[in-house]
């Protein structure tokens, strides 16, 4: 049912896009990780300077395990930097640190798309699990001859749709954080010259591509389930 030819035709292009986006962002990150910024500031040092320049108060910086695991957590007002970013004075490290501080600025300013995305988290967490259960249960009952099974499956589709809405809400949040990052780095004089500006832009654009790929995947999966359940209704 879920591994049918229709499902593969719908999802294989999305999976290929996700794989290409993941490869591209890692390749771009590694390329610019080898190019040292003229400021000689590590990601940690740049984050410290940007926090002061942006007037962010109460933001802490802590380490986090893994590669490209950097993030800002609004729950504890903390910027988490991986070792590769924190200790590296590269163009890529500066771009990543500044991008995550862009989220800190959004949090401070009450940026509406960020607040909307945060409000979606509980619904998405529940819907991503409950949606599958309802779709499978509803289709099983439908195939067993129980007409109300389709209604249960539609409830699953509605619950599952939260993931697509979340992916759509993520795009403006991430693009805005990247725009703030470029502004922060430029105003603080941490990046200089066209090469460094191009490097920062390349790293941030590559990261944005992964969110576009995630949105495409979520929408295609949702459309497949709509088609599947709609076919049972007919």
C-alpha atoms as a PDB file:
ATOM      1  CA  UNK A   1       0.000   0.000   0.000  1.00  0.00           C
ATOM      2  CA  UNK A   2       2.676   2.530   1.058  1.00  0.00           C
ATOM      3  CA  UNK A   3       5.463   1.037  -1.068  1.00  0.00           C
ATOM      4  CA  UNK A   4       3.431   0.982  -4.251  1.00  0.00           C
ATOM      5  CA  UNK A   5       4.713   2.149  -7.621  1.00  0.00           C
ATOM      6  CA  UNK A   6       2.712   5.375  -7.239  1.00  0.00           C
ATOM      7  CA  UNK A   7       4.462   6.090  -3.940  1.00  0.00           C
ATOM      8  CA  UNK A   8       7.895   5.481  -5.456  1.00  0.00           C
ATOM      9  CA  UNK A   9       7.123   7.668  -8.479  1.00  0.00           C
ATOM     10  CA  UNK A  10       5.998  10.430  -6.127  1.00  0.00           C
ATOM     11  CA  UNK A  11       8.717  10.208  -3.502  1.00  0.00           C
ATOM     12  CA  UNK A  12      11.880   9.052  -5.266  1.00  0.00           C
ATOM     13  CA  UNK A  13      12.442  12.498  -6.873  1.00  0.00           C
ATOM     14  CA  UNK A  14      11.994  14.086  -3.438  1.00  0.00           C
ATOM     15  CA  UNK A  15      14.465  11.677  -1.843  1.00  0.00           C
ATOM     16  CA  UNK A  16      16.980  12.401  -4.613  1.00  0.00           C
ATOM     17  CA  UNK A  17      16.526  16.139  -4.047  1.00  0.00           C
ATOM     18  CA  UNK A  18      17.064  15.677  -0.288  1.00  0.00           C
ATOM     19  CA  UNK A  19      20.230  13.660  -0.908  1.00  0.00           C
ATOM     20  CA  UNK A  20      21.597  16.226  -3.360  1.00  0.00           C
ATOM     21  CA  UNK A  21      20.794  19.096  -0.983  1.00  0.00           C
ATOM     22  CA  UNK A  22      22.508  17.302   1.901  1.00  0.00           C
ATOM     23  CA  UNK A  23      25.584  16.606  -0.236  1.00  0.00           C
ATOM     24  CA  UNK A  24      25.715  20.188  -1.495  1.00  0.00           C
ATOM     25  CA  UNK A  25      25.468  21.810   1.925  1.00  0.00           C
ATOM     26  CA  UNK A  26      28.216  19.565   3.328  1.00  0.00           C
ATOM     27  CA  UNK A  27      30.459  20.144   0.326  1.00  0.00           C
ATOM     28  CA  UNK A  28      29.956  23.910   0.528  1.00  0.00           C
ATOM     29  CA  UNK A  29      30.520  23.927   4.295  1.00  0.00           C
ATOM     30  CA  UNK A  30      33.740  21.924   3.992  1.00  0.00           C
ATOM     31  CA  UNK A  31      35.023  24.084   1.146  1.00  0.00           C
ATOM     32  CA  UNK A  32      34.645  27.316   3.097  1.00  0.00           C
ATOM     33  CA  UNK A  33      35.807  25.676   6.326  1.00  0.00           C
ATOM     34  CA  UNK A  34      39.246  25.465   4.714  1.00  0.00           C
ATOM     35  CA  UNK A  35      39.337  29.193   3.966  1.00  0.00           C
ATOM     36  CA  UNK A  36      40.406  31.304   6.916  1.00  0.00           C
ATOM     37  CA  UNK A  37      38.643  34.617   7.516  1.00  0.00           C
ATOM     38  CA  UNK A  38      40.804  37.733   7.492  1.00  0.00           C
ATOM     39  CA  UNK A  39      39.527  38.660  10.964  1.00  0.00           C
ATOM     40  CA  UNK A  40      41.112  35.452  12.361  1.00  0.00           C
ATOM     41  CA  UNK A  41      38.133  35.133  14.700  1.00  0.00           C
ATOM     42  CA  UNK A  42      36.851  31.681  15.559  1.00  0.00           C
ATOM     43  CA  UNK A  43      33.120  31.011  15.513  1.00  0.00           C
ATOM     44  CA  UNK A  44      33.074  31.340  19.304  1.00  0.00           C
ATOM     45  CA  UNK A  45      34.944  34.646  19.293  1.00  0.00           C
ATOM     46  CA  UNK A  46      32.781  36.017  16.490  1.00  0.00           C
ATOM     47  CA  UNK A  47      29.624  34.994  18.351  1.00  0.00           C
ATOM     48  CA  UNK A  48      30.847  36.811  21.464  1.00  0.00           C
ATOM     49  CA  UNK A  49      31.523  39.974  19.473  1.00  0.00           C
ATOM     50  CA  UNK A  50      28.194  39.784  17.625  1.00  0.00           C
ATOM     51  CA  UNK A  51      26.241  39.279  20.841  1.00  0.00           C
ATOM     52  CA  UNK A  52      27.690  42.525  22.158  1.00  0.00           C
ATOM     53  CA  UNK A  53      27.292  44.396  18.866  1.00  0.00           C
ATOM     54  CA  UNK A  54      23.651  43.339  18.531  1.00  0.00           C
ATOM     55  CA  UNK A  55      22.806  44.189  22.126  1.00  0.00           C
ATOM     56  CA  UNK A  56      21.731  40.651  22.935  1.00  0.00           C
ATOM     57  CA  UNK A  57      21.574  40.157  26.684  1.00  0.00           C
ATOM     58  CA  UNK A  58      21.604  36.893  28.572  1.00  0.00           C
ATOM     59  CA  UNK A  59      22.662  34.779  25.569  1.00  0.00           C
ATOM     60  CA  UNK A  60      25.134  32.063  26.567  1.00  0.00           C
ATOM     61  CA  UNK A  61      27.424  30.082  24.273  1.00  0.00           C
ATOM     62  CA  UNK A  62      27.930  26.382  24.863  1.00  0.00           C
ATOM     63  CA  UNK A  63      29.435  23.495  22.951  1.00  0.00           C
ATOM     64  CA  UNK A  64      27.463  20.711  21.293  1.00  0.00           C
ATOM     65  CA  UNK A  65      28.622  17.382  19.906  1.00  0.00           C
ATOM     66  CA  UNK A  66      28.522  16.512  16.235  1.00  0.00           C
ATOM     67  CA  UNK A  67      29.142  18.239  12.919  1.00  0.00           C
ATOM     68  CA  UNK A  68      26.760  20.944  11.688  1.00  0.00           C
ATOM     69  CA  UNK A  69      24.703  20.484  14.861  1.00  0.00           C
ATOM     70  CA  UNK A  70      24.827  24.190  15.701  1.00  0.00           C
ATOM     71  CA  UNK A  71      21.575  25.773  16.867  1.00  0.00           C
ATOM     72  CA  UNK A  72      20.019  28.420  19.069  1.00  0.00           C
ATOM     73  CA  UNK A  73      17.637  27.202  21.765  1.00  0.00           C
ATOM     74  CA  UNK A  74      15.128  29.882  22.847  1.00  0.00           C
ATOM     75  CA  UNK A  75      14.126  27.805  25.864  1.00  0.00           C
ATOM     76  CA  UNK A  76      17.401  28.513  27.664  1.00  0.00           C
ATOM     77  CA  UNK A  77      18.568  31.471  25.567  1.00  0.00           C
ATOM     78  CA  UNK A  78      21.684  29.560  24.566  1.00  0.00           C
ATOM     79  CA  UNK A  79      23.712  29.380  21.369  1.00  0.00           C
ATOM     80  CA  UNK A  80      25.092  25.867  20.869  1.00  0.00           C
ATOM     81  CA  UNK A  81      28.151  25.646  18.627  1.00  0.00           C
ATOM     82  CA  UNK A  82      29.830  22.498  17.368  1.00  0.00           C
ATOM     83  CA  UNK A  83      33.570  22.160  17.798  1.00  0.00           C
ATOM     84  CA  UNK A  84      34.169  22.657  14.081  1.00  0.00           C
ATOM     85  CA  UNK A  85      32.470  26.057  14.256  1.00  0.00           C
ATOM     86  CA  UNK A  86      33.488  27.145  17.741  1.00  0.00           C
ATOM     87  CA  UNK A  87      37.227  26.589  17.287  1.00  0.00           C
ATOM     88  CA  UNK A  88      37.618  27.324  13.581  1.00  0.00           C
ATOM     89  CA  UNK A  89      38.461  30.821  12.258  1.00  0.00           C
ATOM     90  CA  UNK A  90      36.945  30.048   8.865  1.00  0.00           C
ATOM     91  CA  UNK A  91      34.414  31.786   6.651  1.00  0.00           C
ATOM     92  CA  UNK A  92      32.010  28.861   7.112  1.00  0.00           C
ATOM     93  CA  UNK A  93      32.300  29.011  10.905  1.00  0.00           C
ATOM     94  CA  UNK A  94      31.483  32.723  10.921  1.00  0.00           C
ATOM     95  CA  UNK A  95      28.476  32.190   8.658  1.00  0.00           C
ATOM     96  CA  UNK A  96      27.044  29.397  10.811  1.00  0.00           C
ATOM     97  CA  UNK A  97      27.580  31.226  14.114  1.00  0.00           C
ATOM     98  CA  UNK A  98      26.024  34.415  12.751  1.00  0.00           C
ATOM     99  CA  UNK A  99      23.057  32.519  11.302  1.00  0.00           C
ATOM    100  CA  UNK A 100      22.231  30.963  14.662  1.00  0.00           C
ATOM    101  CA  UNK A 101      22.524  34.364  16.316  1.00  0.00           C
ATOM    102  CA  UNK A 102      20.045  35.545  13.700  1.00  0.00           C
ATOM    103  CA  UNK A 103      17.573  33.218  15.425  1.00  0.00           C
ATOM    104  CA  UNK A 104      18.492  34.781  18.760  1.00  0.00           C
ATOM    105  CA  UNK A 105      17.623  38.185  17.315  1.00  0.00           C
ATOM    106  CA  UNK A 106      14.322  36.808  16.040  1.00  0.00           C
ATOM    107  CA  UNK A 107      13.589  35.488  19.512  1.00  0.00           C
ATOM    108  CA  UNK A 108      14.400  38.833  21.122  1.00  0.00           C
ATOM    109  CA  UNK A 109      12.336  40.788  18.604  1.00  0.00           C
ATOM    110  CA  UNK A 110       9.336  38.462  18.826  1.00  0.00           C
ATOM    111  CA  UNK A 111       9.612  37.694  15.113  1.00  0.00           C
ATOM    112  CA  UNK A 112       6.120  36.500  14.170  1.00  0.00           C
ATOM    113  CA  UNK A 113       7.057  33.651  11.784  1.00  0.00           C
ATOM    114  CA  UNK A 114       9.351  32.208  14.476  1.00  0.00           C
ATOM    115  CA  UNK A 115       6.595  32.395  17.070  1.00  0.00           C
ATOM    116  CA  UNK A 116       4.185  30.741  14.640  1.00  0.00           C
ATOM    117  CA  UNK A 117       6.636  27.927  13.901  1.00  0.00           C
ATOM    118  CA  UNK A 118       7.280  27.378  17.607  1.00  0.00           C
ATOM    119  CA  UNK A 119       3.538  27.157  18.226  1.00  0.00           C
ATOM    120  CA  UNK A 120       3.322  24.409  15.596  1.00  0.00           C
ATOM    121  CA  UNK A 121       5.856  22.147  17.320  1.00  0.00           C
ATOM    122  CA  UNK A 122       3.434  20.350  19.706  1.00  0.00           C
ATOM    123  CA  UNK A 123       0.923  19.782  16.905  1.00  0.00           C
ATOM    124  CA  UNK A 124       3.603  18.457  14.558  1.00  0.00           C
ATOM    125  CA  UNK A 125       5.077  16.142  17.182  1.00  0.00           C
ATOM    126  CA  UNK A 126       1.679  14.599  17.826  1.00  0.00           C
ATOM    127  CA  UNK A 127       0.485  14.660  14.221  1.00  0.00           C
ATOM    128  CA  UNK A 128       3.597  13.023  12.764  1.00  0.00           C
ATOM    129  CA  UNK A 129       2.980   9.922  14.899  1.00  0.00           C
ATOM    130  CA  UNK A 130      -0.800   9.948  15.170  1.00  0.00           C
ATOM    131  CA  UNK A 131      -1.262  10.715  11.475  1.00  0.00           C
ATOM    132  CA  UNK A 132       0.451   7.507  10.356  1.00  0.00           C
ATOM    133  CA  UNK A 133      -1.590   5.439  12.808  1.00  0.00           C
ATOM    134  CA  UNK A 134      -4.909   6.932  11.702  1.00  0.00           C
ATOM    135  CA  UNK A 135      -4.107   6.605   8.002  1.00  0.00           C
ATOM    136  CA  UNK A 136      -3.065   2.957   8.323  1.00  0.00           C
ATOM    137  CA  UNK A 137      -5.998   2.107  10.600  1.00  0.00           C
ATOM    138  CA  UNK A 138      -8.504   3.947   8.432  1.00  0.00           C
ATOM    139  CA  UNK A 139      -7.335   2.332   5.209  1.00  0.00           C
ATOM    140  CA  UNK A 140      -7.295  -1.097   6.844  1.00  0.00           C
ATOM    141  CA  UNK A 141     -10.906  -0.645   7.991  1.00  0.00           C
ATOM    142  CA  UNK A 142     -11.833   0.673   4.565  1.00  0.00           C
ATOM    143  CA  UNK A 143     -10.359  -2.350   2.803  1.00  0.00           C
ATOM    144  CA  UNK A 144     -12.262  -4.505   5.318  1.00  0.00           C
ATOM    145  CA  UNK A 145     -15.491  -2.979   4.032  1.00  0.00           C
ATOM    146  CA  UNK A 146     -16.115  -0.433   6.789  1.00  0.00           C
ATOM    147  CA  UNK A 147     -17.003   2.872   5.151  1.00  0.00           C
ATOM    148  CA  UNK A 148     -16.146   4.992   8.204  1.00  0.00           C
ATOM    149  CA  UNK A 149     -12.536   3.862   7.813  1.00  0.00           C
ATOM    150  CA  UNK A 150     -12.052   6.486   5.123  1.00  0.00           C
ATOM    151  CA  UNK A 151     -13.135   9.199   7.556  1.00  0.00           C
ATOM    152  CA  UNK A 152     -10.535   7.984  10.051  1.00  0.00           C
ATOM    153  CA  UNK A 153      -7.898   8.017   7.309  1.00  0.00           C
ATOM    154  CA  UNK A 154      -8.800  11.615   6.442  1.00  0.00           C
ATOM    155  CA  UNK A 155      -8.279  12.570  10.089  1.00  0.00           C
ATOM    156  CA  UNK A 156      -4.835  11.025   9.748  1.00  0.00           C
ATOM    157  CA  UNK A 157      -4.120  13.092   6.644  1.00  0.00           C
ATOM    158  CA  UNK A 158      -5.149  16.259   8.484  1.00  0.00           C
ATOM    159  CA  UNK A 159      -2.902  15.359  11.414  1.00  0.00           C
ATOM    160  CA  UNK A 160      -0.043  14.491   9.066  1.00  0.00           C
ATOM    161  CA  UNK A 161      -0.399  17.785   7.185  1.00  0.00           C
ATOM    162  CA  UNK A 162       1.127  19.617  10.141  1.00  0.00           C
ATOM    163  CA  UNK A 163       4.557  18.532   8.929  1.00  0.00           C
ATOM    164  CA  UNK A 164       4.074  20.271   5.593  1.00  0.00           C
ATOM    165  CA  UNK A 165       2.790  23.413   7.300  1.00  0.00           C
ATOM    166  CA  UNK A 166       5.816  23.360   9.624  1.00  0.00           C
ATOM    167  CA  UNK A 167       8.200  22.963   6.686  1.00  0.00           C
ATOM    168  CA  UNK A 168       6.542  25.904   4.936  1.00  0.00           C
ATOM    169  CA  UNK A 169       6.726  28.044   8.094  1.00  0.00           C
ATOM    170  CA  UNK A 170      10.423  27.203   8.462  1.00  0.00           C
ATOM    171  CA  UNK A 171      11.455  28.799   5.163  1.00  0.00           C
ATOM    172  CA  UNK A 172      10.876  32.479   6.057  1.00  0.00           C
ATOM    173  CA  UNK A 173      12.403  31.907   9.496  1.00  0.00           C
ATOM    174  CA  UNK A 174      15.626  30.479   8.063  1.00  0.00           C
ATOM    175  CA  UNK A 175      15.882  32.998   5.217  1.00  0.00           C
ATOM    176  CA  UNK A 176      15.396  35.877   7.624  1.00  0.00           C
ATOM    177  CA  UNK A 177      18.025  34.465  10.004  1.00  0.00           C
ATOM    178  CA  UNK A 178      20.481  34.302   7.097  1.00  0.00           C
ATOM    179  CA  UNK A 179      19.720  37.898   6.108  1.00  0.00           C
ATOM    180  CA  UNK A 180      20.308  38.982   9.705  1.00  0.00           C
ATOM    181  CA  UNK A 181      23.558  36.994   9.770  1.00  0.00           C
ATOM    182  CA  UNK A 182      24.964  38.778   6.734  1.00  0.00           C
ATOM    183  CA  UNK A 183      23.999  42.137   8.210  1.00  0.00           C
ATOM    184  CA  UNK A 184      25.544  41.282  11.578  1.00  0.00           C
ATOM    185  CA  UNK A 185      28.839  40.183  10.059  1.00  0.00           C
ATOM    186  CA  UNK A 186      29.057  43.194   7.751  1.00  0.00           C
ATOM    187  CA  UNK A 187      28.149  45.801  10.365  1.00  0.00           C
ATOM    188  CA  UNK A 188      30.595  44.334  12.883  1.00  0.00           C
ATOM    189  CA  UNK A 189      33.375  44.306  10.294  1.00  0.00           C
ATOM    190  CA  UNK A 190      34.023  40.604  10.853  1.00  0.00           C
ATOM    191  CA  UNK A 191      33.971  39.730   7.157  1.00  0.00           C
ATOM    192  CA  UNK A 192      35.791  41.784   4.554  1.00  0.00           C
ATOM    193  CA  UNK A 193      36.199  41.592   0.815  1.00  0.00           C
ATOM    194  CA  UNK A 194      34.166  40.007  -1.924  1.00  0.00           C
ATOM    195  CA  UNK A 195      35.562  36.514  -1.400  1.00  0.00           C
ATOM    196  CA  UNK A 196      34.446  36.326   2.242  1.00  0.00           C
ATOM    197  CA  UNK A 197      31.055  37.812   1.416  1.00  0.00           C
ATOM    198  CA  UNK A 198      30.655  35.264  -1.367  1.00  0.00           C
ATOM    199  CA  UNK A 199      31.655  32.483   1.012  1.00  0.00           C
ATOM    200  CA  UNK A 200      29.141  33.503   3.668  1.00  0.00           C
ATOM    201  CA  UNK A 201      26.431  33.809   1.042  1.00  0.00           C
ATOM    202  CA  UNK A 202      27.297  30.377  -0.407  1.00  0.00           C
ATOM    203  CA  UNK A 203      27.176  28.635   2.978  1.00  0.00           C
ATOM    204  CA  UNK A 204      23.874  30.243   3.938  1.00  0.00           C
ATOM    205  CA  UNK A 205      22.274  29.605   0.533  1.00  0.00           C
ATOM    206  CA  UNK A 206      23.341  25.961   0.615  1.00  0.00           C
ATOM    207  CA  UNK A 207      21.752  25.557   4.034  1.00  0.00           C
ATOM    208  CA  UNK A 208      18.538  27.161   2.771  1.00  0.00           C
ATOM    209  CA  UNK A 209      18.376  24.584  -0.019  1.00  0.00           C
ATOM    210  CA  UNK A 210      17.944  21.796   2.539  1.00  0.00           C
ATOM    211  CA  UNK A 211      14.819  23.499   3.873  1.00  0.00           C
ATOM    212  CA  UNK A 212      13.438  23.853   0.358  1.00  0.00           C
ATOM    213  CA  UNK A 213      14.078  20.148  -0.227  1.00  0.00           C
ATOM    214  CA  UNK A 214      12.393  19.335   3.080  1.00  0.00           C
ATOM    215  CA  UNK A 215       9.331  21.327   2.080  1.00  0.00           C
ATOM    216  CA  UNK A 216       9.118  19.597  -1.311  1.00  0.00           C
ATOM    217  CA  UNK A 217       9.372  16.192   0.375  1.00  0.00           C
ATOM    218  CA  UNK A 218       6.703  17.004   2.960  1.00  0.00           C
ATOM    219  CA  UNK A 219       4.288  18.372   0.340  1.00  0.00           C
ATOM    220  CA  UNK A 220       4.748  15.419  -2.031  1.00  0.00           C
ATOM    221  CA  UNK A 221       4.207  12.942   0.780  1.00  0.00           C
ATOM    222  CA  UNK A 222       1.078  14.774   1.867  1.00  0.00           C
ATOM    223  CA  UNK A 223      -0.231  14.845  -1.711  1.00  0.00           C
ATOM    224  CA  UNK A 224       0.364  11.113  -2.027  1.00  0.00           C
ATOM    225  CA  UNK A 225      -1.680  10.376   1.092  1.00  0.00           C
ATOM    226  CA  UNK A 226      -4.446  12.709  -0.095  1.00  0.00           C
ATOM    227  CA  UNK A 227      -4.521  10.818  -3.397  1.00  0.00           C
ATOM    228  CA  UNK A 228      -4.462   7.464  -1.629  1.00  0.00           C
ATOM    229  CA  UNK A 229      -7.291   8.260   0.786  1.00  0.00           C
ATOM    230  CA  UNK A 230      -9.243  10.138  -1.875  1.00  0.00           C
ATOM    231  CA  UNK A 231      -9.085   7.081  -4.081  1.00  0.00           C
ATOM    232  CA  UNK A 232     -10.704   4.996  -1.356  1.00  0.00           C
ATOM    233  CA  UNK A 233     -13.523   7.544  -1.065  1.00  0.00           C
ATOM    234  CA  UNK A 234     -14.216   7.235  -4.790  1.00  0.00           C
END
